[in-house]
Amino acid sequence: MRRLPRRLSYGEEATLVEHLDELRSRLLVCMLALGLAFPIAFYFHEELIDLLMELLPEGRRLITIGVAEPFTTSLKVSFYASLALAFPVLVWQIWGFFAPAVEQGSQRVVARFVALASILFAGGMAFAYFVVLPRALEFLTTYDEDIYEIQIRASYFLSFVTLMIFATGLIFQMPIFVIALVRLGVLTSAQLRSNRRIGYVSLLGVAILLPTVDPVSLALEVIPLFALFELSIWLSVVLERRWQREADAEPAAGL
């Protein structure tokens, strides 16, 4: 129990060595979570690969070329699956490390944001699997098929779809991230509204950096990103007013 990370209290002072020791402990917890999740993911790697292969358009099959490709591919898929399984623990450890810098009254709020982040992460992965990838793969695997004999290599295909699913899950957490920054006073709803165009351009850049090369999947990624950003702005407006009313009511309650 001594090796478990101790969460510092708000305003508590600590030396650099103590911060580094806490960081090391939290990294160990993250590694332990991944170490427990990976065997589970690897045990079910055949089922996971079957699910990913269902994304292939009808009539397409995967091929392997290298001797070790089937094994290394299963390791890649299992690794991303273990990251998804351990995601709540990873997020909680990251938040726990930065918690002392947060106002005491905000810690419980952001802790709830961590739980919501896990839900949004799962929603983003589902969106990539059921909406983005089927249409994107239909376009990519049939493009100029009258010119080429199209064969799909297993390692490339499975790396592409797993990375796309995981990355989409991450970017779907944007509302939680934005609202958390507003709650902590780093941003305001007014700043978000006045810099809306900058936000849209930045989101377009994020979508371009995702592992996609076709306009179909890019459009399918950008549209929900813009919608989530707009939702984040208006949620920030509503919540900011609510938090202000609560702050104004506290002095009155103490009289």
Protein backbone atom coordinates (compact mmCIF):
# COMPACT_ATOMS: atom_id res chain seq x y z
CA MET A 1 0.00 0.00 0.00
CA ARG A 2 2.96 2.34 0.53
CA ARG A 3 3.70 2.23 -3.21
CA LEU A 4 0.23 3.45 -4.17
CA PRO A 5 0.22 7.12 -5.22
CA ARG A 6 -0.84 9.51 -2.50
CA ARG A 7 -3.09 12.29 -3.72
CA LEU A 8 -1.88 15.66 -2.43
CA SER A 9 -4.42 18.04 -0.99
CA TYR A 10 -5.19 21.43 -2.50
CA GLY A 11 -2.52 23.91 -1.51
CA GLU A 12 -0.29 21.25 0.00
CA GLU A 13 3.38 21.95 -0.64
CA ALA A 14 5.69 19.19 -1.82
CA THR A 15 9.31 18.96 -2.84
CA LEU A 16 10.45 18.09 -6.34
CA VAL A 17 11.49 14.65 -5.13
CA GLU A 18 8.01 14.05 -3.70
CA HIS A 19 6.40 15.09 -6.99
CA LEU A 20 8.72 12.80 -8.94
CA ASP A 21 7.99 9.95 -6.54
CA GLU A 22 4.25 10.50 -6.98
CA LEU A 23 4.68 10.59 -10.77
CA ARG A 24 6.64 7.33 -10.66
CA SER A 25 3.96 5.69 -8.54
CA ARG A 26 1.19 6.79 -10.88
CA LEU A 27 3.12 5.55 -13.90
CA LEU A 28 3.47 2.21 -12.16
CA VAL A 29 -0.30 2.08 -11.61
CA CYS A 30 -0.84 2.84 -15.32
CA MET A 31 1.61 0.12 -16.31
CA LEU A 32 -0.09 -2.31 -13.95
CA ALA A 33 -3.49 -1.51 -15.47
CA LEU A 34 -2.11 -2.08 -18.96
CA GLY A 35 -0.34 -5.22 -17.80
CA LEU A 36 -3.64 -6.64 -16.53
CA ALA A 37 -5.64 -5.53 -19.56
CA PHE A 38 -3.24 -6.82 -22.22
CA PRO A 39 -3.56 -10.57 -21.43
CA ILE A 40 -7.34 -10.23 -21.47
CA ALA A 41 -7.24 -8.45 -24.83
CA PHE A 42 -4.79 -10.96 -26.27
CA TYR A 43 -6.95 -13.87 -25.11
CA PHE A 44 -9.82 -12.46 -27.17
CA HIS A 45 -7.69 -11.20 -30.07
CA GLU A 46 -9.31 -13.58 -32.56
CA GLU A 47 -12.76 -12.25 -31.70
CA LEU A 48 -11.45 -8.67 -31.93
CA ILE A 49 -9.88 -9.28 -35.33
CA ASP A 50 -13.11 -10.90 -36.55
CA LEU A 51 -15.03 -7.79 -35.50
CA LEU A 52 -12.58 -5.55 -37.32
CA MET A 53 -12.68 -7.74 -40.44
CA GLU A 54 -16.45 -7.24 -40.59
CA LEU A 55 -15.63 -3.68 -41.67
CA LEU A 56 -14.22 -5.00 -44.94
CA PRO A 57 -16.49 -4.51 -47.97
CA GLU A 58 -18.14 -7.68 -49.19
CA GLY A 59 -15.83 -9.90 -51.19
CA ARG A 60 -12.60 -8.51 -49.71
CA ARG A 61 -10.17 -10.67 -47.74
CA LEU A 62 -6.97 -9.95 -45.87
CA ILE A 63 -3.59 -11.40 -46.79
CA THR A 64 -0.33 -11.73 -44.85
CA ILE A 65 3.13 -11.58 -46.37
CA GLY A 66 5.74 -11.74 -43.62
CA VAL A 67 6.39 -14.87 -41.59
CA ALA A 68 5.72 -13.13 -38.27
CA GLU A 69 2.95 -10.85 -39.55
CA PRO A 70 0.00 -12.83 -38.08
CA PHE A 71 1.60 -12.78 -34.63
CA THR A 72 2.77 -9.15 -34.65
CA THR A 73 -0.61 -8.04 -35.98
CA SER A 74 -2.40 -9.78 -33.12
CA LEU A 75 -0.07 -8.00 -30.69
CA LYS A 76 -0.92 -4.59 -32.21
CA VAL A 77 -4.65 -5.20 -31.99
CA SER A 78 -4.32 -6.48 -28.41
CA PHE A 79 -2.27 -3.45 -27.41
CA TYR A 80 -4.87 -0.95 -28.63
CA ALA A 81 -7.61 -3.00 -27.00
CA SER A 82 -5.72 -2.98 -23.69
CA LEU A 83 -5.37 0.81 -23.93
CA ALA A 84 -9.14 1.06 -24.35
CA LEU A 85 -9.77 -1.26 -21.39
CA ALA A 86 -7.35 0.62 -19.12
CA PHE A 87 -8.47 4.05 -20.31
CA PRO A 88 -10.49 5.00 -17.18
CA VAL A 89 -7.53 4.14 -14.94
CA LEU A 90 -5.13 6.11 -17.13
CA VAL A 91 -7.35 9.18 -17.14
CA TRP A 92 -7.89 8.97 -13.39
CA GLN A 93 -4.14 8.79 -12.72
CA ILE A 94 -3.47 11.78 -14.96
CA TRP A 95 -6.14 13.76 -13.15
CA GLY A 96 -4.87 12.63 -9.75
CA PHE A 97 -1.41 13.98 -10.51
CA PHE A 98 -2.68 17.45 -11.45
CA ALA A 99 -5.45 17.60 -8.82
CA PRO A 100 -3.50 19.65 -6.23
CA ALA A 101 -3.38 22.58 -8.66
CA VAL A 102 -7.19 22.69 -8.82
CA GLU A 103 -9.41 24.68 -6.51
CA GLN A 104 -10.75 22.43 -3.76
CA GLY A 105 -14.36 22.91 -4.70
CA SER A 106 -13.66 21.94 -8.30
CA GLN A 107 -11.99 18.61 -7.64
CA ARG A 108 -15.22 16.66 -7.26
CA VAL A 109 -16.61 18.26 -10.43
CA VAL A 110 -13.59 17.34 -12.54
CA ALA A 111 -13.63 13.83 -11.05
CA ARG A 112 -17.10 13.43 -12.55
CA PHE A 113 -15.72 14.75 -15.83
CA VAL A 114 -13.25 11.85 -15.79
CA ALA A 115 -16.12 9.37 -15.65
CA LEU A 116 -17.93 11.16 -18.47
CA ALA A 117 -14.71 11.13 -20.49
CA SER A 118 -14.74 7.34 -20.42
CA ILE A 119 -18.31 7.30 -21.71
CA LEU A 120 -17.46 9.71 -24.51
CA PHE A 121 -14.41 7.64 -25.36
CA ALA A 122 -16.60 4.57 -25.84
CA GLY A 123 -19.08 6.63 -27.87
CA GLY A 124 -16.30 7.89 -30.13
CA MET A 125 -15.03 4.38 -30.78
CA ALA A 126 -18.55 3.23 -31.62
CA PHE A 127 -18.99 6.19 -33.99
CA ALA A 128 -15.76 5.30 -35.81
CA TYR A 129 -16.70 1.62 -36.08
CA PHE A 130 -20.31 1.96 -37.18
CA VAL A 131 -20.31 5.26 -39.10
CA VAL A 132 -16.90 6.43 -40.31
CA LEU A 133 -14.99 3.27 -41.19
CA PRO A 134 -17.61 1.36 -43.23
CA ARG A 135 -18.02 4.28 -45.64
CA ALA A 136 -14.34 5.18 -45.70
CA LEU A 137 -13.24 1.59 -46.38
CA GLU A 138 -15.85 1.17 -49.11
CA PHE A 139 -14.33 4.19 -50.87
CA LEU A 140 -10.68 3.27 -50.28
CA THR A 141 -10.86 -0.40 -51.22
CA THR A 142 -12.76 0.20 -54.46
CA TYR A 143 -10.91 3.28 -55.71
CA ASP A 144 -9.52 2.68 -59.23
CA GLU A 145 -10.27 -1.02 -58.90
CA ASP A 146 -10.46 -1.26 -62.69
CA ILE A 147 -6.76 -0.34 -62.82
CA TYR A 148 -5.32 -2.33 -59.91
CA GLU A 149 -5.64 -5.79 -58.52
CA ILE A 150 -6.47 -4.65 -55.02
CA GLN A 151 -5.21 -6.85 -52.20
CA ILE A 152 -5.41 -5.76 -48.59
CA ARG A 153 -2.56 -6.58 -46.25
CA ALA A 154 -3.70 -7.60 -42.77
CA SER A 155 -1.12 -5.62 -40.81
CA TYR A 156 -1.86 -2.38 -42.68
CA PHE A 157 -5.63 -2.80 -42.52
CA LEU A 158 -5.83 -3.72 -38.83
CA SER A 159 -3.36 -1.01 -37.82
CA PHE A 160 -5.40 1.54 -39.79
CA VAL A 161 -8.78 0.66 -38.32
CA THR A 162 -7.59 0.22 -34.70
CA LEU A 163 -5.74 3.53 -34.75
CA MET A 164 -8.74 5.27 -36.32
CA ILE A 165 -11.10 3.85 -33.69
CA PHE A 166 -8.81 4.76 -30.80
CA ALA A 167 -8.08 8.28 -32.12
CA THR A 168 -11.77 8.99 -32.67
CA GLY A 169 -12.48 7.92 -29.10
CA LEU A 170 -9.90 10.42 -27.87
CA ILE A 171 -11.17 13.38 -29.86
CA PHE A 172 -14.76 12.70 -28.73
CA GLN A 173 -13.68 13.81 -25.27
CA MET A 174 -13.43 17.39 -26.45
CA PRO A 175 -16.59 18.61 -24.62
CA ILE A 176 -15.28 17.25 -21.32
CA PHE A 177 -11.89 18.85 -21.89
CA VAL A 178 -13.36 22.24 -22.84
CA ILE A 179 -15.88 22.32 -19.98
CA ALA A 180 -13.18 21.29 -17.51
CA LEU A 181 -10.99 24.20 -18.65
CA VAL A 182 -13.94 26.57 -18.27
CA ARG A 183 -14.72 25.21 -14.80
CA LEU A 184 -11.11 25.68 -13.74
CA GLY A 185 -11.04 29.25 -15.05
CA VAL A 186 -8.49 28.61 -17.81
CA LEU A 187 -11.07 29.52 -20.48
CA THR A 188 -14.36 31.38 -20.49
CA SER A 189 -17.42 30.90 -22.66
CA ALA A 190 -16.89 34.41 -24.03
CA GLN A 191 -13.39 33.49 -25.19
CA LEU A 192 -14.72 30.35 -26.85
CA ARG A 193 -17.40 32.27 -28.70
CA SER A 194 -15.06 35.04 -29.85
CA ASN A 195 -12.47 32.53 -31.09
CA ARG A 196 -14.93 30.14 -32.70
CA ARG A 197 -13.30 30.39 -36.15
CA ILE A 198 -9.88 29.56 -34.73
CA GLY A 199 -11.42 26.56 -33.03
CA TYR A 200 -12.95 25.30 -36.29
CA VAL A 201 -9.65 25.65 -38.15
CA SER A 202 -7.83 23.82 -35.35
CA LEU A 203 -10.37 20.99 -35.42
CA LEU A 204 -9.97 20.68 -39.18
CA GLY A 205 -6.23 20.33 -38.64
CA VAL A 206 -6.82 17.62 -36.04
CA ALA A 207 -9.09 15.71 -38.43
CA ILE A 208 -6.46 15.91 -41.19
CA LEU A 209 -3.83 14.51 -38.82
CA LEU A 210 -5.97 11.46 -38.12
CA PRO A 211 -5.03 8.28 -40.01
CA THR A 212 -7.21 8.96 -43.02
CA VAL A 213 -6.39 9.92 -46.57
CA ASP A 214 -9.77 10.18 -48.27
CA PRO A 215 -12.34 12.99 -48.33
CA VAL A 216 -15.19 10.73 -47.25
CA SER A 217 -13.77 9.78 -43.87
CA LEU A 218 -12.42 13.32 -43.41
CA ALA A 219 -15.91 14.78 -43.83
CA LEU A 220 -17.40 12.18 -41.50
CA GLU A 221 -14.82 13.12 -38.87
CA VAL A 222 -15.06 16.91 -39.23
CA ILE A 223 -18.84 17.17 -38.97
CA PRO A 224 -19.15 15.57 -35.49
CA LEU A 225 -16.06 17.49 -34.34
CA PHE A 226 -17.69 20.78 -35.26
CA ALA A 227 -20.93 19.68 -33.61
CA LEU A 228 -19.11 18.66 -30.41
CA PHE A 229 -17.21 21.96 -30.34
CA GLU A 230 -20.41 23.96 -30.74
CA LEU A 231 -22.06 21.86 -28.04
CA SER A 232 -19.08 22.54 -25.77
CA ILE A 233 -19.48 26.29 -26.24
CA TRP A 234 -23.16 26.38 -25.35
CA LEU A 235 -22.75 23.97 -22.45
CA SER A 236 -20.02 26.27 -21.16
CA VAL A 237 -22.37 29.24 -21.38
CA VAL A 238 -25.09 27.44 -19.43
CA LEU A 239 -22.78 25.93 -16.81
CA GLU A 240 -20.83 29.14 -16.34
CA ARG A 241 -24.03 30.98 -15.45
CA ARG A 242 -25.01 28.18 -13.07
CA TRP A 243 -21.62 28.21 -11.34
CA GLN A 244 -21.80 31.98 -11.02
CA ARG A 245 -25.21 31.79 -9.36
CA GLU A 246 -23.89 29.18 -6.94
CA ALA A 247 -20.88 31.36 -6.12
CA ASP A 248 -23.12 34.38 -5.51
CA ALA A 249 -25.40 32.33 -3.27
CA GLU A 250 -22.59 31.11 -0.99
CA PRO A 251 -21.83 34.49 0.66
CA ALA A 252 -25.54 35.08 1.19
CA ALA A 253 -25.89 31.69 2.84
CA GLY A 254 -23.08 32.51 5.25
CA LEU A 255 -24.77 35.69 6.53
